[in-house]
PDB file of N, CA and C in Angstrom:
ATOM      1  N   MET A   1     -16.981  21.288   9.016  1.00  0.00           N
ATOM      2  CA  MET A   1     -15.534  21.275   8.938  1.00  0.00           C
ATOM      3  C   MET A   1     -14.946  20.324   9.980  1.00  0.00           C
ATOM      4  N   LYS A   2     -15.460  20.390  11.205  1.00  0.00           N
ATOM      5  CA  LYS A   2     -14.974  19.516  12.273  1.00  0.00           C
ATOM      6  C   LYS A   2     -15.167  18.053  11.912  1.00  0.00           C
ATOM      7  N   LEU A   3     -16.300  17.739  11.329  1.00  0.00           N
ATOM      8  CA  LEU A   3     -16.614  16.356  10.967  1.00  0.00           C
ATOM      9  C   LEU A   3     -15.653  15.841   9.891  1.00  0.00           C
ATOM     10  N   LYS A   4     -15.286  16.695   8.951  1.00  0.00           N
ATOM     11  CA  LYS A   4     -14.336  16.299   7.907  1.00  0.00           C
ATOM     12  C   LYS A   4     -12.958  16.011   8.494  1.00  0.00           C
ATOM     13  N   VAL A   5     -12.514  16.851   9.412  1.00  0.00           N
ATOM     14  CA  VAL A   5     -11.212  16.655  10.064  1.00  0.00           C
ATOM     15  C   VAL A   5     -11.212  15.367  10.871  1.00  0.00           C
ATOM     16  N   ILE A   6     -12.277  15.117  11.611  1.00  0.00           N
ATOM     17  CA  ILE A   6     -12.383  13.883  12.399  1.00  0.00           C
ATOM     18  C   ILE A   6     -12.408  12.667  11.482  1.00  0.00           C
ATOM     19  N   GLY A   7     -13.131  12.750  10.377  1.00  0.00           N
ATOM     20  CA  GLY A   7     -13.174  11.653   9.414  1.00  0.00           C
ATOM     21  C   GLY A   7     -11.809  11.379   8.802  1.00  0.00           C
ATOM     22  N   LEU A   8     -11.081  12.439   8.451  1.00  0.00           N
ATOM     23  CA  LEU A   8      -9.746  12.303   7.880  1.00  0.00           C
ATOM     24  C   LEU A   8      -8.782  11.672   8.888  1.00  0.00           C
ATOM     25  N   LEU A   9      -8.857  12.097  10.132  1.00  0.00           N
ATOM     26  CA  LEU A   9      -8.023  11.504  11.182  1.00  0.00           C
ATOM     27  C   LEU A   9      -8.375  10.032  11.409  1.00  0.00           C
ATOM     28  N   ALA A  10      -9.634   9.694  11.321  1.00  0.00           N
ATOM     29  CA  ALA A  10     -10.054   8.299  11.473  1.00  0.00           C
ATOM     30  C   ALA A  10      -9.504   7.440  10.336  1.00  0.00           C
ATOM     31  N   ILE A  11      -9.543   7.959   9.121  1.00  0.00           N
ATOM     32  CA  ILE A  11      -9.000   7.220   7.973  1.00  0.00           C
ATOM     33  C   ILE A  11      -7.502   6.991   8.154  1.00  0.00           C
ATOM     34  N   PHE A  12      -6.756   8.032   8.540  1.00  0.00           N
ATOM     35  CA  PHE A  12      -5.318   7.879   8.770  1.00  0.00           C
ATOM     36  C   PHE A  12      -5.036   6.903   9.902  1.00  0.00           C
ATOM     37  N   GLY A  13      -5.848   6.923  10.942  1.00  0.00           N
ATOM     38  CA  GLY A  13      -5.687   5.984  12.056  1.00  0.00           C
ATOM     39  C   GLY A  13      -5.886   4.538  11.622  1.00  0.00           C
ATOM     40  N   ILE A  14      -6.877   4.302  10.789  1.00  0.00           N
ATOM     41  CA  ILE A  14      -7.150   2.941  10.296  1.00  0.00           C
ATOM     42  C   ILE A  14      -6.003   2.468   9.398  1.00  0.00           C
ATOM     43  N   LEU A  15      -5.547   3.334   8.491  1.00  0.00           N
ATOM     44  CA  LEU A  15      -4.428   2.971   7.616  1.00  0.00           C
ATOM     45  C   LEU A  15      -3.171   2.674   8.429  1.00  0.00           C
ATOM     46  N   PHE A  16      -2.923   3.472   9.465  1.00  0.00           N
ATOM     47  CA  PHE A  16      -1.770   3.252  10.342  1.00  0.00           C
ATOM     48  C   PHE A  16      -1.883   1.910  11.061  1.00  0.00           C
ATOM     49  N   ALA A  17      -3.078   1.563  11.496  1.00  0.00           N
ATOM     50  CA  ALA A  17      -3.299   0.288  12.185  1.00  0.00           C
ATOM     51  C   ALA A  17      -3.042  -0.905  11.269  1.00  0.00           C
ATOM     52  N   PHE A  18      -3.267  -0.741   9.973  1.00  0.00           N
ATOM     53  CA  PHE A  18      -3.023  -1.816   9.015  1.00  0.00           C
ATOM     54  C   PHE A  18      -1.599  -1.810   8.462  1.00  0.00           C
ATOM     55  N   GLY A  19      -0.718  -0.982   9.007  1.00  0.00           N
ATOM     56  CA  GLY A  19       0.688  -0.992   8.616  1.00  0.00           C
ATOM     57  C   GLY A  19       1.035  -0.109   7.440  1.00  0.00           C
ATOM     58  N   ILE A  20       0.131   0.759   7.028  1.00  0.00           N
ATOM     59  CA  ILE A  20       0.399   1.672   5.919  1.00  0.00           C
ATOM     60  C   ILE A  20       1.129   2.894   6.488  1.00  0.00           C
ATOM     61  N   ARG A  21       2.279   3.237   5.873  1.00  0.00           N
ATOM     62  CA  ARG A  21       3.089   4.354   6.347  1.00  0.00           C
ATOM     63  C   ARG A  21       3.522   5.214   5.159  1.00  0.00           C
ATOM     64  N   VAL A  22       4.113   6.371   5.462  1.00  0.00           N
ATOM     65  CA  VAL A  22       4.635   7.279   4.439  1.00  0.00           C
ATOM     66  C   VAL A  22       6.103   7.546   4.749  1.00  0.00           C
ATOM     67  N   ALA A  23       6.944   7.520   3.716  1.00  0.00           N
ATOM     68  CA  ALA A  23       8.370   7.809   3.881  1.00  0.00           C
ATOM     69  C   ALA A  23       8.809   8.828   2.840  1.00  0.00           C
ATOM     70  N   HIS A  24       9.843   9.565   3.198  1.00  0.00           N
ATOM     71  CA  HIS A  24      10.468  10.505   2.271  1.00  0.00           C
ATOM     72  C   HIS A  24      11.895  10.010   2.028  1.00  0.00           C
ATOM     73  N   PRO A  25      12.101   9.249   0.924  1.00  0.00           N
ATOM     74  CA  PRO A  25      13.430   8.697   0.663  1.00  0.00           C
ATOM     75  C   PRO A  25      14.461   9.781   0.392  1.00  0.00           C
ATOM     76  N   GLN A  26      15.679   9.537   0.818  1.00  0.00           N
ATOM     77  CA  GLN A  26      16.767  10.471   0.570  1.00  0.00           C
ATOM     78  C   GLN A  26      17.442  10.214  -0.772  1.00  0.00           C
ATOM     79  N   ASP A  27      17.229   9.002  -1.314  1.00  0.00           N
ATOM     80  CA  ASP A  27      17.810   8.653  -2.603  1.00  0.00           C
ATOM     81  C   ASP A  27      17.170   7.362  -3.089  1.00  0.00           C
ATOM     82  N   GLY A  28      17.526   6.944  -4.279  1.00  0.00           N
ATOM     83  CA  GLY A  28      17.020   5.682  -4.785  1.00  0.00           C
ATOM     84  C   GLY A  28      16.451   5.791  -6.187  1.00  0.00           C
ATOM     85  N   LEU A  29      15.564   4.870  -6.498  1.00  0.00           N
ATOM     86  CA  LEU A  29      14.978   4.777  -7.830  1.00  0.00           C
ATOM     87  C   LEU A  29      14.271   6.061  -8.229  1.00  0.00           C
ATOM     88  N   GLN A  30      14.235   6.301  -9.529  1.00  0.00           N
ATOM     89  CA  GLN A  30      13.517   7.440 -10.072  1.00  0.00           C
ATOM     90  C   GLN A  30      12.272   6.960 -10.787  1.00  0.00           C
ATOM     91  N   SER A  31      11.295   7.826 -10.883  1.00  0.00           N
ATOM     92  CA  SER A  31      10.112   7.538 -11.692  1.00  0.00           C
ATOM     93  C   SER A  31      10.091   8.542 -12.838  1.00  0.00           C
ATOM     94  N   ALA A  32       9.132   8.420 -13.721  1.00  0.00           N
ATOM     95  CA  ALA A  32       8.998   9.367 -14.821  1.00  0.00           C
ATOM     96  C   ALA A  32       8.676  10.766 -14.298  1.00  0.00           C
ATOM     97  N   MET A  33       8.174  10.845 -13.072  1.00  0.00           N
ATOM     98  CA  MET A  33       7.788  12.127 -12.490  1.00  0.00           C
ATOM     99  C   MET A  33       8.909  12.774 -11.675  1.00  0.00           C
ATOM    100  N   GLY A  34      10.079  12.129 -11.586  1.00  0.00           N
ATOM    101  CA  GLY A  34      11.184  12.742 -10.868  1.00  0.00           C
ATOM    102  C   GLY A  34      11.926  11.767  -9.980  1.00  0.00           C
ATOM    103  N   SER A  35      12.841  12.312  -9.209  1.00  0.00           N
ATOM    104  CA  SER A  35      13.693  11.496  -8.352  1.00  0.00           C
ATOM    105  C   SER A  35      12.947  11.047  -7.104  1.00  0.00           C
ATOM    106  N   ALA A  36      13.540  10.079  -6.421  1.00  0.00           N
ATOM    107  CA  ALA A  36      12.957   9.593  -5.170  1.00  0.00           C
ATOM    108  C   ALA A  36      12.952  10.698  -4.116  1.00  0.00           C
ATOM    109  N   LYS A  37      13.988  11.538  -4.137  1.00  0.00           N
ATOM    110  CA  LYS A  37      14.108  12.602  -3.139  1.00  0.00           C
ATOM    111  C   LYS A  37      13.002  13.649  -3.271  1.00  0.00           C
ATOM    112  N   SER A  38      12.440  13.787  -4.462  1.00  0.00           N
ATOM    113  CA  SER A  38      11.364  14.767  -4.658  1.00  0.00           C
ATOM    114  C   SER A  38       9.981  14.133  -4.506  1.00  0.00           C
ATOM    115  N   SER A  39       9.934  12.912  -3.993  1.00  0.00           N
ATOM    116  CA  SER A  39       8.665  12.189  -3.876  1.00  0.00           C
ATOM    117  C   SER A  39       8.432  11.697  -2.451  1.00  0.00           C
ATOM    118  N   LEU A  40       7.213  11.306  -2.193  1.00  0.00           N
ATOM    119  CA  LEU A  40       6.862  10.578  -0.977  1.00  0.00           C
ATOM    120  C   LEU A  40       6.471   9.169  -1.397  1.00  0.00           C
ATOM    121  N   VAL A  41       6.767   8.195  -0.551  1.00  0.00           N
ATOM    122  CA  VAL A  41       6.440   6.808  -0.847  1.00  0.00           C
ATOM    123  C   VAL A  41       5.466   6.303   0.214  1.00  0.00           C
ATOM    124  N   ILE A  42       4.353   5.777  -0.229  1.00  0.00           N
ATOM    125  CA  ILE A  42       3.406   5.116   0.666  1.00  0.00           C
ATOM    126  C   ILE A  42       3.751   3.636   0.608  1.00  0.00           C
ATOM    127  N   TYR A  43       4.020   3.047   1.779  1.00  0.00           N
ATOM    128  CA  TYR A  43       4.471   1.664   1.830  1.00  0.00           C
ATOM    129  C   TYR A  43       3.748   0.892   2.925  1.00  0.00           C
ATOM    130  N   LYS A  44       3.882  -0.446   2.870  1.00  0.00           N
ATOM    131  CA  LYS A  44       3.275  -1.323   3.863  1.00  0.00           C
ATOM    132  C   LYS A  44       4.355  -2.243   4.399  1.00  0.00           C
ATOM    133  N   ALA A  45       4.461  -2.309   5.711  1.00  0.00           N
ATOM    134  CA  ALA A  45       5.424  -3.191   6.357  1.00  0.00           C
ATOM    135  C   ALA A  45       5.020  -4.646   6.133  1.00  0.00           C
ATOM    136  N   SER A  46       6.019  -5.522   6.066  1.00  0.00           N
ATOM    137  CA  SER A  46       5.785  -6.939   5.837  1.00  0.00           C
ATOM    138  C   SER A  46       6.823  -7.746   6.609  1.00  0.00           C
ATOM    139  N   ASP A  47       6.579  -9.036   6.757  1.00  0.00           N
ATOM    140  CA  ASP A  47       7.536  -9.905   7.439  1.00  0.00           C
ATOM    141  C   ASP A  47       8.557 -10.486   6.481  1.00  0.00           C
ATOM    142  N   GLN A  48       8.156 -10.751   5.248  1.00  0.00           N
ATOM    143  CA  GLN A  48       9.040 -11.342   4.250  1.00  0.00           C
ATOM    144  C   GLN A  48       8.977 -10.528   2.966  1.00  0.00           C
ATOM    145  N   TYR A  49      10.113 -10.482   2.287  1.00  0.00           N
ATOM    146  CA  TYR A  49      10.203  -9.732   1.037  1.00  0.00           C
ATOM    147  C   TYR A  49      10.748 -10.646  -0.047  1.00  0.00           C
ATOM    148  N   ALA A  50      10.316 -10.432  -1.287  1.00  0.00           N
ATOM    149  CA  ALA A  50      10.679 -11.310  -2.396  1.00  0.00           C
ATOM    150  C   ALA A  50      11.418 -10.528  -3.486  1.00  0.00           C
ATOM    151  N   VAL A  51      12.113 -11.254  -4.321  1.00  0.00           N
ATOM    152  CA  VAL A  51      12.849 -10.676  -5.438  1.00  0.00           C
ATOM    153  C   VAL A  51      11.873  -9.930  -6.356  1.00  0.00           C
ATOM    154  N   GLY A  52      12.285  -8.739  -6.774  1.00  0.00           N
ATOM    155  CA  GLY A  52      11.484  -7.940  -7.687  1.00  0.00           C
ATOM    156  C   GLY A  52      10.598  -6.902  -7.015  1.00  0.00           C
ATOM    157  N   GLN A  53      10.425  -6.995  -5.705  1.00  0.00           N
ATOM    158  CA  GLN A  53       9.578  -6.015  -5.017  1.00  0.00           C
ATOM    159  C   GLN A  53      10.326  -4.692  -4.860  1.00  0.00           C
ATOM    160  N   LYS A  54       9.607  -3.596  -5.016  1.00  0.00           N
ATOM    161  CA  LYS A  54      10.161  -2.278  -4.745  1.00  0.00           C
ATOM    162  C   LYS A  54       9.941  -2.004  -3.264  1.00  0.00           C
ATOM    163  N   VAL A  55      11.021  -1.650  -2.571  1.00  0.00           N
ATOM    164  CA  VAL A  55      10.968  -1.500  -1.119  1.00  0.00           C
ATOM    165  C   VAL A  55      11.658  -0.222  -0.673  1.00  0.00           C
ATOM    166  N   VAL A  56      11.335   0.198   0.537  1.00  0.00           N
ATOM    167  CA  VAL A  56      12.028   1.282   1.219  1.00  0.00           C
ATOM    168  C   VAL A  56      12.956   0.622   2.232  1.00  0.00           C
ATOM    169  N   VAL A  57      14.256   0.956   2.162  1.00  0.00           N
ATOM    170  CA  VAL A  57      15.241   0.380   3.072  1.00  0.00           C
ATOM    171  C   VAL A  57      15.974   1.491   3.812  1.00  0.00           C
ATOM    172  N   VAL A  58      16.463   1.158   4.996  1.00  0.00           N
ATOM    173  CA  VAL A  58      17.307   2.075   5.750  1.00  0.00           C
ATOM    174  C   VAL A  58      18.749   1.676   5.492  1.00  0.00           C
ATOM    175  N   VAL A  59      19.512   2.583   4.890  1.00  0.00           N
ATOM    176  CA  VAL A  59      20.922   2.344   4.593  1.00  0.00           C
ATOM    177  C   VAL A  59      21.748   3.175   5.570  1.00  0.00           C
ATOM    178  N   ALA A  60      22.718   2.537   6.209  1.00  0.00           N
ATOM    179  CA  ALA A  60      23.545   3.217   7.210  1.00  0.00           C
ATOM    180  C   ALA A  60      24.144   4.504   6.636  1.00  0.00           C
ATOM    181  N   ASN A  61      24.021   5.580   7.389  1.00  0.00           N
ATOM    182  CA  ASN A  61      24.560   6.900   7.045  1.00  0.00           C
ATOM    183  C   ASN A  61      23.949   7.514   5.790  1.00  0.00           C
ATOM    184  N   SER A  62      22.861   6.938   5.264  1.00  0.00           N
ATOM    185  CA  SER A  62      22.237   7.487   4.059  1.00  0.00           C
ATOM    186  C   SER A  62      20.744   7.701   4.212  1.00  0.00           C
ATOM    187  N   GLY A  63      20.144   7.241   5.284  1.00  0.00           N
ATOM    188  CA  GLY A  63      18.708   7.393   5.479  1.00  0.00           C
ATOM    189  C   GLY A  63      17.895   6.401   4.662  1.00  0.00           C
ATOM    190  N   ASN A  64      16.633   6.726   4.464  1.00  0.00           N
ATOM    191  CA  ASN A  64      15.738   5.866   3.678  1.00  0.00           C
ATOM    192  C   ASN A  64      16.084   5.953   2.207  1.00  0.00           C
ATOM    193  N   GLN A  65      16.047   4.785   1.539  1.00  0.00           N
ATOM    194  CA  GLN A  65      16.262   4.746   0.099  1.00  0.00           C
ATOM    195  C   GLN A  65      15.225   3.823  -0.519  1.00  0.00           C
ATOM    196  N   LEU A  66      14.855   4.127  -1.747  1.00  0.00           N
ATOM    197  CA  LEU A  66      13.899   3.331  -2.502  1.00  0.00           C
ATOM    198  C   LEU A  66      14.670   2.457  -3.477  1.00  0.00           C
ATOM    199  N   GLY A  67      14.387   1.149  -3.478  1.00  0.00           N
ATOM    200  CA  GLY A  67      15.108   0.256  -4.364  1.00  0.00           C
ATOM    201  C   GLY A  67      14.307  -0.985  -4.718  1.00  0.00           C
ATOM    202  N   VAL A  68      14.929  -1.840  -5.543  1.00  0.00           N
ATOM    203  CA  VAL A  68      14.327  -3.090  -5.983  1.00  0.00           C
ATOM    204  C   VAL A  68      15.147  -4.238  -5.414  1.00  0.00           C
ATOM    205  N   ILE A  69      14.459  -5.229  -4.845  1.00  0.00           N
ATOM    206  CA  ILE A  69      15.154  -6.396  -4.288  1.00  0.00           C
ATOM    207  C   ILE A  69      15.654  -7.270  -5.436  1.00  0.00           C
ATOM    208  N   LYS A  70      16.950  -7.571  -5.422  1.00  0.00           N
ATOM    209  CA  LYS A  70      17.562  -8.423  -6.443  1.00  0.00           C
ATOM    210  C   LYS A  70      17.762  -9.846  -5.940  1.00  0.00           C
ATOM    211  N   SER A  71      17.958 -10.019  -4.630  1.00  0.00           N
ATOM    212  CA  SER A  71      18.023 -11.355  -4.033  1.00  0.00           C
ATOM    213  C   SER A  71      17.635 -11.232  -2.573  1.00  0.00           C
ATOM    214  N   ALA A  72      17.076 -12.317  -2.027  1.00  0.00           N
ATOM    215  CA  ALA A  72      16.599 -12.285  -0.649  1.00  0.00           C
ATOM    216  C   ALA A  72      16.862 -13.622   0.028  1.00  0.00           C
ATOM    217  N   SER A  73      17.224 -13.541   1.301  1.00  0.00           N
ATOM    218  CA  SER A  73      17.352 -14.730   2.143  1.00  0.00           C
ATOM    219  C   SER A  73      16.620 -14.425   3.450  1.00  0.00           C
ATOM    220  N   ASP A  74      16.662 -15.369   4.379  1.00  0.00           N
ATOM    221  CA  ASP A  74      15.985 -15.146   5.660  1.00  0.00           C
ATOM    222  C   ASP A  74      16.665 -14.056   6.485  1.00  0.00           C
ATOM    223  N   GLU A  75      17.959 -13.845   6.268  1.00  0.00           N
ATOM    224  CA  GLU A  75      18.711 -12.874   7.065  1.00  0.00           C
ATOM    225  C   GLU A  75      18.877 -11.517   6.401  1.00  0.00           C
ATOM    226  N   ALA A  76      19.064 -11.499   5.066  1.00  0.00           N
ATOM    227  CA  ALA A  76      19.406 -10.255   4.384  1.00  0.00           C
ATOM    228  C   ALA A  76      18.759 -10.190   3.009  1.00  0.00           C
ATOM    229  N   VAL A  77      18.742  -8.980   2.467  1.00  0.00           N
ATOM    230  CA  VAL A  77      18.284  -8.763   1.100  1.00  0.00           C
ATOM    231  C   VAL A  77      19.293  -7.883   0.374  1.00  0.00           C
ATOM    232  N   ASP A  78      19.471  -8.131  -0.920  1.00  0.00           N
ATOM    233  CA  ASP A  78      20.309  -7.290  -1.770  1.00  0.00           C
ATOM    234  C   ASP A  78      19.379  -6.363  -2.544  1.00  0.00           C
ATOM    235  N   VAL A  79      19.644  -5.062  -2.442  1.00  0.00           N
ATOM    236  CA  VAL A  79      18.753  -4.063  -3.020  1.00  0.00           C
ATOM    237  C   VAL A  79      19.525  -3.165  -3.978  1.00  0.00           C
ATOM    238  N   ASP A  80      18.970  -2.968  -5.178  1.00  0.00           N
ATOM    239  CA  ASP A  80      19.516  -2.036  -6.153  1.00  0.00           C
ATOM    240  C   ASP A  80      18.786  -0.714  -5.977  1.00  0.00           C
ATOM    241  N   THR A  81      19.514   0.323  -5.527  1.00  0.00           N
ATOM    242  CA  THR A  81      18.899   1.620  -5.264  1.00  0.00           C
ATOM    243  C   THR A  81      19.209   2.655  -6.347  1.00  0.00           C
ATOM    244  N   ARG A  82      19.683   2.208  -7.487  1.00  0.00           N
ATOM    245  CA  ARG A  82      20.102   3.052  -8.601  1.00  0.00           C
ATOM    246  C   ARG A  82      21.461   3.672  -8.326  1.00  0.00           C
ATOM    247  N   VAL A  83      21.693   4.179  -7.145  1.00  0.00           N
ATOM    248  CA  VAL A  83      22.963   4.787  -6.782  1.00  0.00           C
ATOM    249  C   VAL A  83      23.979   3.710  -6.417  1.00  0.00           C
ATOM    250  N   SER A  84      23.512   2.676  -5.727  1.00  0.00           N
ATOM    251  CA  SER A  84      24.401   1.611  -5.286  1.00  0.00           C
ATOM    252  C   SER A  84      23.622   0.307  -5.151  1.00  0.00           C
ATOM    253  N   PHE A  85      24.385  -0.739  -4.981  1.00  0.00           N
ATOM    254  CA  PHE A  85      23.825  -2.068  -4.751  1.00  0.00           C
ATOM    255  C   PHE A  85      24.184  -2.401  -3.315  1.00  0.00           C
ATOM    256  N   VAL A  86      23.182  -2.489  -2.418  1.00  0.00           N
ATOM    257  CA  VAL A  86      23.467  -2.666  -0.991  1.00  0.00           C
ATOM    258  C   VAL A  86      22.859  -3.957  -0.462  1.00  0.00           C
ATOM    259  N   ARG A  87      23.501  -4.501   0.542  1.00  0.00           N
ATOM    260  CA  ARG A  87      22.961  -5.646   1.268  1.00  0.00           C
ATOM    261  C   ARG A  87      22.560  -5.140   2.653  1.00  0.00           C
ATOM    262  N   VAL A  88      21.300  -5.338   2.994  1.00  0.00           N
ATOM    263  CA  VAL A  88      20.790  -4.922   4.302  1.00  0.00           C
ATOM    264  C   VAL A  88      20.114  -6.109   4.980  1.00  0.00           C
ATOM    265  N   LYS A  89      20.034  -6.028   6.301  1.00  0.00           N
ATOM    266  CA  LYS A  89      19.325  -7.061   7.052  1.00  0.00           C
ATOM    267  C   LYS A  89      17.836  -6.950   6.778  1.00  0.00           C
ATOM    268  N   GLN A  90      17.123  -8.049   6.958  1.00  0.00           N
ATOM    269  CA  GLN A  90      15.665  -8.045   6.771  1.00  0.00           C
ATOM    270  C   GLN A  90      15.019  -6.963   7.640  1.00  0.00           C
ATOM    271  N   GLU A  91      15.568  -6.721   8.834  1.00  0.00           N
ATOM    272  CA  GLU A  91      14.991  -5.706   9.742  1.00  0.00           C
ATOM    273  C   GLU A  91      15.126  -4.289   9.190  1.00  0.00           C
ATOM    274  N   ASP A  92      16.104  -4.074   8.305  1.00  0.00           N
ATOM    275  CA  ASP A  92      16.325  -2.740   7.749  1.00  0.00           C
ATOM    276  C   ASP A  92      15.448  -2.441   6.539  1.00  0.00           C
ATOM    277  N   VAL A  93      14.681  -3.431   6.105  1.00  0.00           N
ATOM    278  CA  VAL A  93      13.696  -3.186   5.052  1.00  0.00           C
ATOM    279  C   VAL A  93      12.447  -2.651   5.751  1.00  0.00           C
ATOM    280  N   VAL A  94      12.116  -1.408   5.466  1.00  0.00           N
ATOM    281  CA  VAL A  94      11.012  -0.739   6.152  1.00  0.00           C
ATOM    282  C   VAL A  94       9.665  -1.255   5.660  1.00  0.00           C
ATOM    283  N   GLY A  95       9.534  -1.451   4.353  1.00  0.00           N
ATOM    284  CA  GLY A  95       8.281  -1.944   3.801  1.00  0.00           C
ATOM    285  C   GLY A  95       8.299  -1.941   2.289  1.00  0.00           C
ATOM    286  N   LYS A  96       7.276  -2.583   1.711  1.00  0.00           N
ATOM    287  CA  LYS A  96       7.197  -2.612   0.249  1.00  0.00           C
ATOM    288  C   LYS A  96       6.340  -1.460  -0.249  1.00  0.00           C
ATOM    289  N   MET A  97       6.790  -0.879  -1.356  1.00  0.00           N
ATOM    290  CA  MET A  97       6.149   0.299  -1.921  1.00  0.00           C
ATOM    291  C   MET A  97       4.757  -0.027  -2.439  1.00  0.00           C
ATOM    292  N   LEU A  98       3.810   0.843  -2.130  1.00  0.00           N
ATOM    293  CA  LEU A  98       2.464   0.751  -2.689  1.00  0.00           C
ATOM    294  C   LEU A  98       2.254   1.820  -3.750  1.00  0.00           C
ATOM    295  N   VAL A  99       2.595   3.069  -3.411  1.00  0.00           N
ATOM    296  CA  VAL A  99       2.352   4.207  -4.303  1.00  0.00           C
ATOM    297  C   VAL A  99       3.457   5.242  -4.117  1.00  0.00           C
ATOM    298  N   ILE A 100       3.839   5.880  -5.212  1.00  0.00           N
ATOM    299  CA  ILE A 100       4.736   7.031  -5.139  1.00  0.00           C
ATOM    300  C   ILE A 100       3.903   8.282  -5.366  1.00  0.00           C
ATOM    301  N   VAL A 101       4.077   9.261  -4.501  1.00  0.00           N
ATOM    302  CA  VAL A 101       3.396  10.548  -4.641  1.00  0.00           C
ATOM    303  C   VAL A 101       4.453  11.561  -5.073  1.00  0.00           C
ATOM    304  N   PRO A 102       4.483  11.923  -6.365  1.00  0.00           N
ATOM    305  CA  PRO A 102       5.543  12.806  -6.850  1.00  0.00           C
ATOM    306  C   PRO A 102       5.403  14.233  -6.346  1.00  0.00           C
ATOM    307  N   PHE A 103       6.531  14.921  -6.296  1.00  0.00           N
ATOM    308  CA  PHE A 103       6.659  16.353  -6.011  1.00  0.00           C
ATOM    309  C   PHE A 103       6.485  16.737  -4.543  1.00  0.00           C
ATOM    310  N   PHE A 104       5.734  15.994  -3.737  1.00  0.00           N
ATOM    311  CA  PHE A 104       5.508  16.393  -2.352  1.00  0.00           C
ATOM    312  C   PHE A 104       6.777  16.282  -1.513  1.00  0.00           C
ATOM    313  N   GLY A 105       7.725  15.470  -1.938  1.00  0.00           N
ATOM    314  CA  GLY A 105       8.998  15.359  -1.234  1.00  0.00           C
ATOM    315  C   GLY A 105       9.779  16.661  -1.285  1.00  0.00           C
ATOM    316  N   THR A 106       9.560  17.436  -2.334  1.00  0.00           N
ATOM    317  CA  THR A 106      10.228  18.727  -2.451  1.00  0.00           C
ATOM    318  C   THR A 106       9.834  19.645  -1.300  1.00  0.00           C
ATOM    319  N   LEU A 107       8.577  19.598  -0.893  1.00  0.00           N
ATOM    320  CA  LEU A 107       8.132  20.401   0.250  1.00  0.00           C
ATOM    321  C   LEU A 107       8.843  19.968   1.516  1.00  0.00           C
ATOM    322  N   PHE A 108       9.052  18.659   1.684  1.00  0.00           N
ATOM    323  CA  PHE A 108       9.780  18.155   2.851  1.00  0.00           C
ATOM    324  C   PHE A 108      11.233  18.599   2.808  1.00  0.00           C
ATOM    325  N   ASN A 109      11.833  18.671   1.612  1.00  0.00           N
ATOM    326  CA  ASN A 109      13.216  19.139   1.480  1.00  0.00           C
ATOM    327  C   ASN A 109      13.333  20.607   1.886  1.00  0.00           C
ATOM    328  N   ILE A 110      12.330  21.401   1.550  1.00  0.00           N
ATOM    329  CA  ILE A 110      12.356  22.825   1.859  1.00  0.00           C
ATOM    330  C   ILE A 110      12.378  23.055   3.362  1.00  0.00           C
ATOM    331  N   VAL A 111      11.585  22.284   4.111  1.00  0.00           N
ATOM    332  CA  VAL A 111      11.526  22.458   5.565  1.00  0.00           C
ATOM    333  C   VAL A 111      12.561  21.617   6.303  1.00  0.00           C
ATOM    334  N   GLY A 112      13.363  20.848   5.555  1.00  0.00           N
ATOM    335  CA  GLY A 112      14.461  20.111   6.178  1.00  0.00           C
ATOM    336  C   GLY A 112      14.118  18.741   6.723  1.00  0.00           C
ATOM    337  N   LEU A 113      13.054  18.117   6.255  1.00  0.00           N
ATOM    338  CA  LEU A 113      12.703  16.777   6.731  1.00  0.00           C
ATOM    339  C   LEU A 113      13.186  15.718   5.778  1.00  0.00           C
TER     340      LEU A 113
END
């Protein structure tokens, strides 16, 4: 049992070192499995983002949101989050989506995260 826990922690440490993170969006795009709020998003941080990428962004007074980049420049990106169309600075783009894990966000909502 100890060896499995140590192995799992090592895997998470390696993924963290390569920029892989997990976010619980407060709003944004929906999937066939439910809303963004009921999901977790596994994402990877990047220096540049391109049109068409699904990303996690920090929107002022709204928390993390999942959206699609509609236009991008060196300073800002325009993101369609289903609820709104927002322009955020490149620094406010947390990362590009790799995988959505449905339903686990509901557990985070229950405990208030």
